[in-house]
């Protein structure tokens, strides 16, 4: 009788590992954690996402006229300039004390006069 149970357990282990691997892949793929940030989505989800993008674009448009900007972690002068319709040179001109290599989160910089 013990031999039958051992044989069943030996078959059960690889099946359990395979099931776990499949479930893990399903969770990873559905969470959008793919390299490059790509994901599989249905047509209704893509419509929702496009409306989110357009509202973000409208919000960015409203913010482009602001005179100052508070630096966020990971910002560069190039990214700040492109998001705020200005140039790196203009930011440097308005902020002569600014060192582009030492931008810190929370630092406030002028974008317009």
PDB file of N, CA and C in Angstrom:
ATOM      1  N   UNK A   1       0.808  -1.185   0.000  1.00  0.00           N
ATOM      2  CA  UNK A   1       0.000   0.000   0.000  1.00  0.00           C
ATOM      3  C   UNK A   1       0.861   1.263   0.000  1.00  0.00           C
ATOM      4  N   UNK A   2       1.971   1.257   0.705  1.00  0.00           N
ATOM      5  CA  UNK A   2       2.862   2.403   0.746  1.00  0.00           C
ATOM      6  C   UNK A   2       3.415   2.720  -0.640  1.00  0.00           C
ATOM      7  N   UNK A   3       3.670   1.712  -1.452  1.00  0.00           N
ATOM      8  CA  UNK A   3       4.232   1.925  -2.777  1.00  0.00           C
ATOM      9  C   UNK A   3       3.273   2.708  -3.674  1.00  0.00           C
ATOM     10  N   UNK A   4       1.986   2.469  -3.531  1.00  0.00           N
ATOM     11  CA  UNK A   4       0.980   3.186  -4.312  1.00  0.00           C
ATOM     12  C   UNK A   4       0.918   4.655  -3.927  1.00  0.00           C
ATOM     13  N   UNK A   5       1.018   4.959  -2.650  1.00  0.00           N
ATOM     14  CA  UNK A   5       0.986   6.351  -2.182  1.00  0.00           C
ATOM     15  C   UNK A   5       2.234   7.100  -2.639  1.00  0.00           C
ATOM     16  N   UNK A   6       3.373   6.434  -2.565  1.00  0.00           N
ATOM     17  CA  UNK A   6       4.619   7.073  -2.998  1.00  0.00           C
ATOM     18  C   UNK A   6       4.567   7.387  -4.493  1.00  0.00           C
ATOM     19  N   UNK A   7       4.023   6.484  -5.271  1.00  0.00           N
ATOM     20  CA  UNK A   7       3.917   6.703  -6.712  1.00  0.00           C
ATOM     21  C   UNK A   7       2.998   7.885  -7.000  1.00  0.00           C
ATOM     22  N   UNK A   8       1.884   7.988  -6.260  1.00  0.00           N
ATOM     23  CA  UNK A   8       0.968   9.110  -6.441  1.00  0.00           C
ATOM     24  C   UNK A   8       1.632  10.438  -6.071  1.00  0.00           C
ATOM     25  N   UNK A   9       2.394  10.421  -4.974  1.00  0.00           N
ATOM     26  CA  UNK A   9       3.086  11.645  -4.553  1.00  0.00           C
ATOM     27  C   UNK A   9       4.144  12.064  -5.564  1.00  0.00           C
ATOM     28  N   UNK A  10       4.817  11.099  -6.150  1.00  0.00           N
ATOM     29  CA  UNK A  10       5.839  11.414  -7.161  1.00  0.00           C
ATOM     30  C   UNK A  10       5.216  12.034  -8.414  1.00  0.00           C
ATOM     31  N   UNK A  11       4.004  11.651  -8.729  1.00  0.00           N
ATOM     32  CA  UNK A  11       3.305  12.259  -9.865  1.00  0.00           C
ATOM     33  C   UNK A  11       2.716  13.619  -9.488  1.00  0.00           C
ATOM     34  N   UNK A  12       2.298  13.757  -8.264  1.00  0.00           N
ATOM     35  CA  UNK A  12       1.652  14.975  -7.809  1.00  0.00           C
ATOM     36  C   UNK A  12       2.619  16.167  -7.748  1.00  0.00           C
ATOM     37  N   UNK A  13       3.859  15.951  -7.364  1.00  0.00           N
ATOM     38  CA  UNK A  13       4.827  17.046  -7.215  1.00  0.00           C
ATOM     39  C   UNK A  13       5.058  17.799  -8.528  1.00  0.00           C
ATOM     40  N   UNK A  14       5.373  17.131  -9.635  1.00  0.00           N
ATOM     41  CA  UNK A  14       5.577  17.889 -10.881  1.00  0.00           C
ATOM     42  C   UNK A  14       4.301  18.585 -11.368  1.00  0.00           C
ATOM     43  N   UNK A  15       3.158  17.957 -11.141  1.00  0.00           N
ATOM     44  CA  UNK A  15       1.893  18.584 -11.529  1.00  0.00           C
ATOM     45  C   UNK A  15       1.681  19.864 -10.727  1.00  0.00           C
ATOM     46  N   UNK A  16       1.965  19.833  -9.428  1.00  0.00           N
ATOM     47  CA  UNK A  16       1.824  21.017  -8.574  1.00  0.00           C
ATOM     48  C   UNK A  16       2.779  22.121  -9.011  1.00  0.00           C
ATOM     49  N   UNK A  17       4.017  21.774  -9.338  1.00  0.00           N
ATOM     50  CA  UNK A  17       5.000  22.765  -9.784  1.00  0.00           C
ATOM     51  C   UNK A  17       4.549  23.388 -11.106  1.00  0.00           C
ATOM     52  N   UNK A  18       4.084  22.568 -12.029  1.00  0.00           N
ATOM     53  CA  UNK A  18       3.600  23.085 -13.311  1.00  0.00           C
ATOM     54  C   UNK A  18       2.405  24.000 -13.136  1.00  0.00           C
ATOM     55  N   UNK A  19       1.476  23.624 -12.289  1.00  0.00           N
ATOM     56  CA  UNK A  19       0.297  24.457 -12.018  1.00  0.00           C
ATOM     57  C   UNK A  19       0.712  25.792 -11.416  1.00  0.00           C
ATOM     58  N   UNK A  20       1.630  25.755 -10.465  1.00  0.00           N
ATOM     59  CA  UNK A  20       2.124  26.987  -9.850  1.00  0.00           C
ATOM     60  C   UNK A  20       2.768  27.884 -10.906  1.00  0.00           C
ATOM     61  N   UNK A  21       3.593  27.320 -11.785  1.00  0.00           N
ATOM     62  CA  UNK A  21       4.273  28.106 -12.817  1.00  0.00           C
ATOM     63  C   UNK A  21       3.253  28.775 -13.744  1.00  0.00           C
ATOM     64  N   UNK A  22       2.231  28.056 -14.143  1.00  0.00           N
ATOM     65  CA  UNK A  22       1.204  28.618 -15.028  1.00  0.00           C
ATOM     66  C   UNK A  22       0.452  29.751 -14.332  1.00  0.00           C
ATOM     67  N   UNK A  23       0.051  29.527 -13.077  1.00  0.00           N
ATOM     68  CA  UNK A  23      -0.656  30.574 -12.329  1.00  0.00           C
ATOM     69  C   UNK A  23       0.231  31.809 -12.132  1.00  0.00           C
ATOM     70  N   UNK A  24       1.502  31.583 -11.857  1.00  0.00           N
ATOM     71  CA  UNK A  24       2.437  32.690 -11.683  1.00  0.00           C
ATOM     72  C   UNK A  24       2.531  33.510 -12.973  1.00  0.00           C
ATOM     73  N   UNK A  25       2.658  32.856 -14.115  1.00  0.00           N
ATOM     74  CA  UNK A  25       2.729  33.559 -15.393  1.00  0.00           C
ATOM     75  C   UNK A  25       1.444  34.350 -15.673  1.00  0.00           C
ATOM     76  N   UNK A  26       0.312  33.773 -15.353  1.00  0.00           N
ATOM     77  CA  UNK A  26      -0.959  34.471 -15.559  1.00  0.00           C
ATOM     78  C   UNK A  26      -1.000  35.747 -14.726  1.00  0.00           C
ATOM     79  N   UNK A  27      -0.590  35.647 -13.464  1.00  0.00           N
ATOM     80  CA  UNK A  27      -0.596  36.829 -12.591  1.00  0.00           C
ATOM     81  C   UNK A  27       0.370  37.888 -13.106  1.00  0.00           C
ATOM     82  N   UNK A  28       1.575  37.487 -13.489  1.00  0.00           N
ATOM     83  CA  UNK A  28       2.572  38.445 -13.974  1.00  0.00           C
ATOM     84  C   UNK A  28       2.103  39.114 -15.264  1.00  0.00           C
ATOM     85  N   UNK A  29       1.598  38.345 -16.191  1.00  0.00           N
ATOM     86  CA  UNK A  29       1.165  38.912 -17.471  1.00  0.00           C
ATOM     87  C   UNK A  29      -0.046  39.825 -17.308  1.00  0.00           C
ATOM     88  N   UNK A  30      -0.959  39.474 -16.423  1.00  0.00           N
ATOM     89  CA  UNK A  30      -2.150  40.299 -16.254  1.00  0.00           C
ATOM     90  C   UNK A  30      -1.872  41.566 -15.454  1.00  0.00           C
ATOM     91  N   UNK A  31      -0.773  41.603 -14.718  1.00  0.00           N
ATOM     92  CA  UNK A  31      -0.447  42.802 -13.941  1.00  0.00           C
ATOM     93  C   UNK A  31       0.279  43.835 -14.781  1.00  0.00           C
ATOM     94  N   UNK A  32       0.661  43.503 -16.003  1.00  0.00           N
ATOM     95  CA  UNK A  32       1.354  44.452 -16.866  1.00  0.00           C
ATOM     96  C   UNK A  32       2.819  44.595 -16.504  1.00  0.00           C
ATOM     97  N   UNK A  33       3.377  43.641 -15.825  1.00  0.00           N
ATOM     98  CA  UNK A  33       4.769  43.718 -15.386  1.00  0.00           C
ATOM     99  C   UNK A  33       5.708  43.130 -16.430  1.00  0.00           C
ATOM    100  N   UNK A  34       5.427  43.362 -17.691  1.00  0.00           N
ATOM    101  CA  UNK A  34       6.288  42.883 -18.755  1.00  0.00           C
ATOM    102  C   UNK A  34       7.437  43.846 -18.973  1.00  0.00           C
ATOM    103  N   UNK A  35       8.526  43.356 -19.541  1.00  0.00           N
ATOM    104  CA  UNK A  35       9.631  44.239 -19.879  1.00  0.00           C
ATOM    105  C   UNK A  35       9.133  45.257 -20.889  1.00  0.00           C
ATOM    106  N   UNK A  36       9.399  46.524 -20.668  1.00  0.00           N
ATOM    107  CA  UNK A  36       8.913  47.573 -21.544  1.00  0.00           C
ATOM    108  C   UNK A  36       7.548  48.076 -21.157  1.00  0.00           C
ATOM    109  N   UNK A  37       6.940  47.510 -20.134  1.00  0.00           N
ATOM    110  CA  UNK A  37       5.661  47.989 -19.646  1.00  0.00           C
ATOM    111  C   UNK A  37       4.474  47.620 -20.507  1.00  0.00           C
ATOM    112  N   UNK A  38       4.652  46.726 -21.493  1.00  0.00           N
ATOM    113  CA  UNK A  38       3.538  46.336 -22.337  1.00  0.00           C
ATOM    114  C   UNK A  38       2.593  45.418 -21.611  1.00  0.00           C
ATOM    115  N   UNK A  39       1.362  45.372 -22.051  1.00  0.00           N
ATOM    116  CA  UNK A  39       0.401  44.458 -21.453  1.00  0.00           C
ATOM    117  C   UNK A  39      -0.665  44.121 -22.462  1.00  0.00           C
ATOM    118  N   UNK A  40      -1.360  43.045 -22.201  1.00  0.00           N
ATOM    119  CA  UNK A  40      -2.474  42.643 -23.039  1.00  0.00           C
ATOM    120  C   UNK A  40      -3.727  43.228 -22.417  1.00  0.00           C
ATOM    121  N   UNK A  41      -4.534  43.932 -23.225  1.00  0.00           N
ATOM    122  CA  UNK A  41      -5.740  44.539 -22.682  1.00  0.00           C
ATOM    123  C   UNK A  41      -6.876  44.400 -23.674  1.00  0.00           C
ATOM    124  N   UNK A  42      -8.077  44.398 -23.180  1.00  0.00           N
ATOM    125  CA  UNK A  42      -9.234  44.291 -24.050  1.00  0.00           C
ATOM    126  C   UNK A  42      -9.521  45.648 -24.674  1.00  0.00           C
ATOM    127  N   UNK A  43     -10.406  45.674 -25.660  1.00  0.00           N
ATOM    128  CA  UNK A  43     -10.704  46.934 -26.342  1.00  0.00           C
ATOM    129  C   UNK A  43     -11.353  47.946 -25.413  1.00  0.00           C
ATOM    130  N   UNK A  44     -12.172  47.498 -24.468  1.00  0.00           N
ATOM    131  CA  UNK A  44     -12.797  48.455 -23.550  1.00  0.00           C
ATOM    132  C   UNK A  44     -11.760  49.053 -22.615  1.00  0.00           C
ATOM    133  N   UNK A  45     -10.766  48.257 -22.210  1.00  0.00           N
ATOM    134  CA  UNK A  45      -9.701  48.799 -21.359  1.00  0.00           C
ATOM    135  C   UNK A  45      -8.871  49.805 -22.120  1.00  0.00           C
ATOM    136  N   UNK A  46      -8.581  49.549 -23.403  1.00  0.00           N
ATOM    137  CA  UNK A  46      -7.769  50.493 -24.159  1.00  0.00           C
ATOM    138  C   UNK A  46      -8.516  51.800 -24.347  1.00  0.00           C
ATOM    139  N   UNK A  47      -9.839  51.764 -24.489  1.00  0.00           N
ATOM    140  CA  UNK A  47     -10.615  52.996 -24.585  1.00  0.00           C
ATOM    141  C   UNK A  47     -10.533  53.799 -23.307  1.00  0.00           C
ATOM    142  N   UNK A  48     -10.612  53.111 -22.160  1.00  0.00           N
ATOM    143  CA  UNK A  48     -10.483  53.786 -20.875  1.00  0.00           C
ATOM    144  C   UNK A  48      -9.115  54.431 -20.737  1.00  0.00           C
ATOM    145  N   UNK A  49      -8.095  53.724 -21.184  1.00  0.00           N
ATOM    146  CA  UNK A  49      -6.734  54.248 -21.063  1.00  0.00           C
ATOM    147  C   UNK A  49      -6.518  55.449 -21.975  1.00  0.00           C
ATOM    148  N   UNK A  50      -7.116  55.448 -23.161  1.00  0.00           N
ATOM    149  CA  UNK A  50      -6.924  56.591 -24.050  1.00  0.00           C
ATOM    150  C   UNK A  50      -7.596  57.837 -23.479  1.00  0.00           C
ATOM    151  N   UNK A  51      -8.739  57.665 -22.796  1.00  0.00           N
ATOM    152  CA  UNK A  51      -9.369  58.835 -22.186  1.00  0.00           C
ATOM    153  C   UNK A  51      -8.549  59.329 -21.002  1.00  0.00           C
ATOM    154  N   UNK A  52      -7.901  58.396 -20.279  1.00  0.00           N
ATOM    155  CA  UNK A  52      -7.006  58.812 -19.195  1.00  0.00           C
ATOM    156  C   UNK A  52      -5.840  59.614 -19.758  1.00  0.00           C
ATOM    157  N   UNK A  53      -5.282  59.148 -20.888  1.00  0.00           N
ATOM    158  CA  UNK A  53      -4.159  59.859 -21.503  1.00  0.00           C
ATOM    159  C   UNK A  53      -4.566  61.248 -21.949  1.00  0.00           C
ATOM    160  N   UNK A  54      -5.759  61.374 -22.548  1.00  0.00           N
ATOM    161  CA  UNK A  54      -6.176  62.684 -23.028  1.00  0.00           C
ATOM    162  C   UNK A  54      -6.414  63.637 -21.868  1.00  0.00           C
ATOM    163  N   UNK A  55      -6.964  63.147 -20.759  1.00  0.00           N
ATOM    164  CA  UNK A  55      -7.161  64.037 -19.616  1.00  0.00           C
ATOM    165  C   UNK A  55      -5.826  64.433 -19.003  1.00  0.00           C
ATOM    166  N   UNK A  56      -4.848  63.533 -19.022  1.00  0.00           N
ATOM    167  CA  UNK A  56      -3.513  63.897 -18.539  1.00  0.00           C
ATOM    168  C   UNK A  56      -2.904  64.942 -19.452  1.00  0.00           C
ATOM    169  N   UNK A  57      -3.109  64.797 -20.775  1.00  0.00           N
ATOM    170  CA  UNK A  57      -2.585  65.776 -21.723  1.00  0.00           C
ATOM    171  C   UNK A  57      -3.202  67.141 -21.506  1.00  0.00           C
ATOM    172  N   UNK A  58      -4.517  67.169 -21.244  1.00  0.00           N
ATOM    173  CA  UNK A  58      -5.178  68.442 -20.974  1.00  0.00           C
ATOM    174  C   UNK A  58      -4.636  69.061 -19.695  1.00  0.00           C
ATOM    175  N   UNK A  59      -4.413  68.226 -18.684  1.00  0.00           N
ATOM    176  CA  UNK A  59      -3.875  68.723 -17.421  1.00  0.00           C
ATOM    177  C   UNK A  59      -2.476  69.282 -17.639  1.00  0.00           C
ATOM    178  N   UNK A  60      -1.657  68.587 -18.422  1.00  0.00           N
ATOM    179  CA  UNK A  60      -0.312  69.070 -18.707  1.00  0.00           C
ATOM    180  C   UNK A  60      -0.370  70.397 -19.446  1.00  0.00           C
ATOM    181  N   UNK A  61      -1.330  70.524 -20.368  1.00  0.00           N
ATOM    182  CA  UNK A  61      -1.473  71.774 -21.109  1.00  0.00           C
ATOM    183  C   UNK A  61      -1.768  72.942 -20.194  1.00  0.00           C
ATOM    184  N   UNK A  62      -2.594  72.708 -19.190  1.00  0.00           N
ATOM    185  CA  UNK A  62      -2.908  73.774 -18.230  1.00  0.00           C
ATOM    186  C   UNK A  62      -1.689  74.144 -17.402  1.00  0.00           C
ATOM    187  N   UNK A  63      -0.815  73.161 -17.148  1.00  0.00           N
ATOM    188  CA  UNK A  63       0.331  73.411 -16.284  1.00  0.00           C
ATOM    189  C   UNK A  63       1.499  74.038 -17.035  1.00  0.00           C
ATOM    190  N   UNK A  64       1.486  74.034 -18.344  1.00  0.00           N
ATOM    191  CA  UNK A  64       2.628  74.513 -19.116  1.00  0.00           C
ATOM    192  C   UNK A  64       2.878  75.997 -18.964  1.00  0.00           C
ATOM    193  N   UNK A  65       1.883  76.777 -18.587  1.00  0.00           N
ATOM    194  CA  UNK A  65       2.072  78.200 -18.465  1.00  0.00           C
ATOM    195  C   UNK A  65       2.605  78.634 -17.109  1.00  0.00           C
ATOM    196  N   UNK A  66       2.862  77.698 -16.216  1.00  0.00           N
ATOM    197  CA  UNK A  66       3.278  78.082 -14.871  1.00  0.00           C
ATOM    198  C   UNK A  66       4.686  78.671 -14.868  1.00  0.00           C
ATOM    199  N   UNK A  67       4.945  79.508 -13.868  1.00  0.00           N
ATOM    200  CA  UNK A  67       6.201  80.242 -13.791  1.00  0.00           C
ATOM    201  C   UNK A  67       7.295  79.487 -13.053  1.00  0.00           C
ATOM    202  N   UNK A  68       6.925  78.563 -12.172  1.00  0.00           N
ATOM    203  CA  UNK A  68       7.930  77.803 -11.426  1.00  0.00           C
ATOM    204  C   UNK A  68       7.610  76.322 -11.497  1.00  0.00           C
ATOM    205  N   UNK A  69       8.583  75.527 -11.129  1.00  0.00           N
ATOM    206  CA  UNK A  69       8.423  74.071 -11.127  1.00  0.00           C
ATOM    207  C   UNK A  69       9.150  73.520  -9.908  1.00  0.00           C
ATOM    208  N   UNK A  70       8.531  72.570  -9.218  1.00  0.00           N
ATOM    209  CA  UNK A  70       9.171  71.902  -8.088  1.00  0.00           C
ATOM    210  C   UNK A  70       9.708  70.571  -8.597  1.00  0.00           C
ATOM    211  N   UNK A  71      11.018  70.381  -8.482  1.00  0.00           N
ATOM    212  CA  UNK A  71      11.706  69.208  -9.001  1.00  0.00           C
ATOM    213  C   UNK A  71      11.225  67.948  -8.279  1.00  0.00           C
ATOM    214  N   UNK A  72      11.021  66.893  -9.071  1.00  0.00           N
ATOM    215  CA  UNK A  72      10.633  65.587  -8.537  1.00  0.00           C
ATOM    216  C   UNK A  72      11.802  64.625  -8.718  1.00  0.00           C
ATOM    217  N   UNK A  73      11.825  63.564  -7.942  1.00  0.00           N
ATOM    218  CA  UNK A  73      12.885  62.560  -8.047  1.00  0.00           C
ATOM    219  C   UNK A  73      12.955  62.037  -9.474  1.00  0.00           C
ATOM    220  N   UNK A  74      14.147  61.977 -10.032  1.00  0.00           N
ATOM    221  CA  UNK A  74      14.342  61.452 -11.382  1.00  0.00           C
ATOM    222  C   UNK A  74      14.243  62.493 -12.480  1.00  0.00           C
ATOM    223  N   UNK A  75      13.876  63.727 -12.141  1.00  0.00           N
ATOM    224  CA  UNK A  75      13.777  64.784 -13.149  1.00  0.00           C
ATOM    225  C   UNK A  75      15.157  65.172 -13.665  1.00  0.00           C
ATOM    226  N   UNK A  76      15.196  65.554 -14.931  1.00  0.00           N
ATOM    227  CA  UNK A  76      16.381  66.163 -15.529  1.00  0.00           C
ATOM    228  C   UNK A  76      15.943  67.486 -16.128  1.00  0.00           C
ATOM    229  N   UNK A  77      16.917  68.347 -16.429  1.00  0.00           N
ATOM    230  CA  UNK A  77      16.529  69.620 -17.048  1.00  0.00           C
ATOM    231  C   UNK A  77      15.831  69.383 -18.377  1.00  0.00           C
ATOM    232  N   UNK A  78      16.272  68.393 -19.114  1.00  0.00           N
ATOM    233  CA  UNK A  78      15.639  68.082 -20.392  1.00  0.00           C
ATOM    234  C   UNK A  78      14.189  67.660 -20.235  1.00  0.00           C
ATOM    235  N   UNK A  79      13.915  66.796 -19.262  1.00  0.00           N
ATOM    236  CA  UNK A  79      12.535  66.345 -19.063  1.00  0.00           C
ATOM    237  C   UNK A  79      11.655  67.479 -18.556  1.00  0.00           C
ATOM    238  N   UNK A  80      12.203  68.319 -17.688  1.00  0.00           N
ATOM    239  CA  UNK A  80      11.447  69.463 -17.181  1.00  0.00           C
ATOM    240  C   UNK A  80      11.145  70.434 -18.319  1.00  0.00           C
ATOM    241  N   UNK A  81      12.145  70.708 -19.137  1.00  0.00           N
ATOM    242  CA  UNK A  81      11.970  71.637 -20.260  1.00  0.00           C
ATOM    243  C   UNK A  81      10.921  71.125 -21.239  1.00  0.00           C
ATOM    244  N   UNK A  82      10.977  69.854 -21.598  1.00  0.00           N
ATOM    245  CA  UNK A  82      10.020  69.334 -22.582  1.00  0.00           C
ATOM    246  C   UNK A  82       8.601  69.303 -22.033  1.00  0.00           C
ATOM    247  N   UNK A  83       8.437  69.024 -20.751  1.00  0.00           N
ATOM    248  CA  UNK A  83       7.102  68.991 -20.154  1.00  0.00           C
ATOM    249  C   UNK A  83       6.513  70.380 -19.968  1.00  0.00           C
ATOM    250  N   UNK A  84       7.337  71.399 -20.012  1.00  0.00           N
ATOM    251  CA  UNK A  84       6.859  72.748 -19.721  1.00  0.00           C
ATOM    252  C   UNK A  84       7.072  73.716 -20.882  1.00  0.00           C
ATOM    253  N   UNK A  85       7.199  73.199 -22.087  1.00  0.00           N
ATOM    254  CA  UNK A  85       7.328  74.021 -23.297  1.00  0.00           C
ATOM    255  C   UNK A  85       8.394  75.100 -23.178  1.00  0.00           C
ATOM    256  N   UNK A  86       9.585  74.703 -22.772  1.00  0.00           N
ATOM    257  CA  UNK A  86      10.697  75.642 -22.705  1.00  0.00           C
ATOM    258  C   UNK A  86      11.963  74.896 -23.099  1.00  0.00           C
ATOM    259  N   UNK A  87      13.096  75.531 -22.957  1.00  0.00           N
ATOM    260  CA  UNK A  87      14.369  74.899 -23.316  1.00  0.00           C
ATOM    261  C   UNK A  87      15.264  74.817 -22.088  1.00  0.00           C
ATOM    262  N   UNK A  88      16.240  73.937 -22.166  1.00  0.00           N
ATOM    263  CA  UNK A  88      17.224  73.816 -21.091  1.00  0.00           C
ATOM    264  C   UNK A  88      17.956  75.143 -20.930  1.00  0.00           C
ATOM    265  N   UNK A  89      18.299  75.745 -22.058  1.00  0.00           N
ATOM    266  CA  UNK A  89      19.035  77.009 -22.020  1.00  0.00           C
ATOM    267  C   UNK A  89      18.237  78.096 -21.307  1.00  0.00           C
ATOM    268  N   UNK A  90      16.937  78.150 -21.551  1.00  0.00           N
ATOM    269  CA  UNK A  90      16.086  79.161 -20.910  1.00  0.00           C
ATOM    270  C   UNK A  90      16.006  78.913 -19.402  1.00  0.00           C
ATOM    271  N   UNK A  91      15.898  77.662 -18.996  1.00  0.00           N
ATOM    272  CA  UNK A  91      15.865  77.337 -17.568  1.00  0.00           C
ATOM    273  C   UNK A  91      17.182  77.753 -16.916  1.00  0.00           C
ATOM    274  N   UNK A  92      18.307  77.453 -17.579  1.00  0.00           N
ATOM    275  CA  UNK A  92      19.615  77.826 -17.031  1.00  0.00           C
ATOM    276  C   UNK A  92      19.769  79.343 -16.963  1.00  0.00           C
ATOM    277  N   UNK A  93      19.240  80.047 -17.964  1.00  0.00           N
ATOM    278  CA  UNK A  93      19.296  81.503 -18.001  1.00  0.00           C
ATOM    279  C   UNK A  93      18.503  82.113 -16.832  1.00  0.00           C
ATOM    280  N   UNK A  94      17.339  81.560 -16.543  1.00  0.00           N
ATOM    281  CA  UNK A  94      16.496  82.068 -15.466  1.00  0.00           C
ATOM    282  C   UNK A  94      16.983  81.636 -14.074  1.00  0.00           C
ATOM    283  N   UNK A  95      17.808  80.598 -14.026  1.00  0.00           N
ATOM    284  CA  UNK A  95      18.300  80.056 -12.755  1.00  0.00           C
ATOM    285  C   UNK A  95      19.818  79.928 -12.809  1.00  0.00           C
ATOM    286  N   UNK A  96      20.550  81.050 -12.777  1.00  0.00           N
ATOM    287  CA  UNK A  96      22.005  80.992 -12.935  1.00  0.00           C
ATOM    288  C   UNK A  96      22.707  80.182 -11.833  1.00  0.00           C
ATOM    289  N   UNK A  97      22.097  80.081 -10.660  1.00  0.00           N
ATOM    290  CA  UNK A  97      22.709  79.331  -9.556  1.00  0.00           C
ATOM    291  C   UNK A  97      22.462  77.827  -9.667  1.00  0.00           C
ATOM    292  N   UNK A  98      21.662  77.420 -10.634  1.00  0.00           N
ATOM    293  CA  UNK A  98      21.247  76.024 -10.782  1.00  0.00           C
ATOM    294  C   UNK A  98      22.370  75.166 -11.356  1.00  0.00           C
ATOM    295  N   UNK A  99      22.654  74.061 -10.695  1.00  0.00           N
ATOM    296  CA  UNK A  99      23.616  73.079 -11.206  1.00  0.00           C
ATOM    297  C   UNK A  99      22.814  71.883 -11.706  1.00  0.00           C
ATOM    298  N   UNK A 100      22.771  71.669 -13.025  1.00  0.00           N
ATOM    299  CA  UNK A 100      21.952  70.584 -13.584  1.00  0.00           C
ATOM    300  C   UNK A 100      22.345  69.199 -13.071  1.00  0.00           C
ATOM    301  N   UNK A 101      23.558  69.045 -12.595  1.00  0.00           N
ATOM    302  CA  UNK A 101      24.025  67.743 -12.114  1.00  0.00           C
ATOM    303  C   UNK A 101      23.555  67.449 -10.694  1.00  0.00           C
ATOM    304  N   UNK A 102      23.091  68.486  -9.980  1.00  0.00           N
ATOM    305  CA  UNK A 102      22.707  68.266  -8.586  1.00  0.00           C
ATOM    306  C   UNK A 102      21.260  68.668  -8.317  1.00  0.00           C
ATOM    307  N   UNK A 103      20.365  68.394  -9.268  1.00  0.00           N
ATOM    308  CA  UNK A 103      18.949  68.649  -9.030  1.00  0.00           C
ATOM    309  C   UNK A 103      18.477  67.762  -7.879  1.00  0.00           C
ATOM    310  N   UNK A 104      17.719  68.348  -6.958  1.00  0.00           N
ATOM    311  CA  UNK A 104      17.211  67.569  -5.840  1.00  0.00           C
ATOM    312  C   UNK A 104      15.697  67.697  -5.762  1.00  0.00           C
ATOM    313  N   UNK A 105      15.065  66.624  -5.362  1.00  0.00           N
ATOM    314  CA  UNK A 105      13.605  66.619  -5.227  1.00  0.00           C
ATOM    315  C   UNK A 105      13.186  67.706  -4.245  1.00  0.00           C
ATOM    316  N   UNK A 106      12.179  68.474  -4.631  1.00  0.00           N
ATOM    317  CA  UNK A 106      11.678  69.559  -3.796  1.00  0.00           C
ATOM    318  C   UNK A 106      12.258  70.918  -4.155  1.00  0.00           C
ATOM    319  N   UNK A 107      13.336  70.924  -4.918  1.00  0.00           N
ATOM    320  CA  UNK A 107      13.967  72.179  -5.338  1.00  0.00           C
ATOM    321  C   UNK A 107      13.016  72.932  -6.270  1.00  0.00           C
ATOM    322  N   UNK A 108      12.915  74.233  -6.096  1.00  0.00           N
ATOM    323  CA  UNK A 108      12.007  75.047  -6.913  1.00  0.00           C
ATOM    324  C   UNK A 108      12.842  75.817  -7.939  1.00  0.00           C
ATOM    325  N   UNK A 109      12.429  75.737  -9.220  1.00  0.00           N
ATOM    326  CA  UNK A 109      13.156  76.457 -10.255  1.00  0.00           C
ATOM    327  C   UNK A 109      12.190  77.303 -11.070  1.00  0.00           C
ATOM    328  N   UNK A 110      12.712  78.397 -11.617  1.00  0.00           N
ATOM    329  CA  UNK A 110      11.907  79.303 -12.450  1.00  0.00           C
ATOM    330  C   UNK A 110      11.834  78.741 -13.863  1.00  0.00           C
ATOM    331  N   UNK A 111      10.635  78.845 -14.453  1.00  0.00           N
ATOM    332  CA  UNK A 111      10.431  78.447 -15.844  1.00  0.00           C
ATOM    333  C   UNK A 111      10.141  79.644 -16.736  1.00  0.00           C
ATOM    334  N   UNK A 112       9.549  80.671 -16.167  1.00  0.00           N
ATOM    335  CA  UNK A 112       9.149  81.878 -16.890  1.00  0.00           C
ATOM    336  C   UNK A 112       9.465  83.085 -16.022  1.00  0.00           C
ATOM    337  N   UNK A 113       9.546  84.238 -16.650  1.00  0.00           N
ATOM    338  CA  UNK A 113       9.774  85.463 -15.880  1.00  0.00           C
ATOM    339  C   UNK A 113       8.472  86.031 -15.383  1.00  0.00           C
TER     340      UNK A 113
END
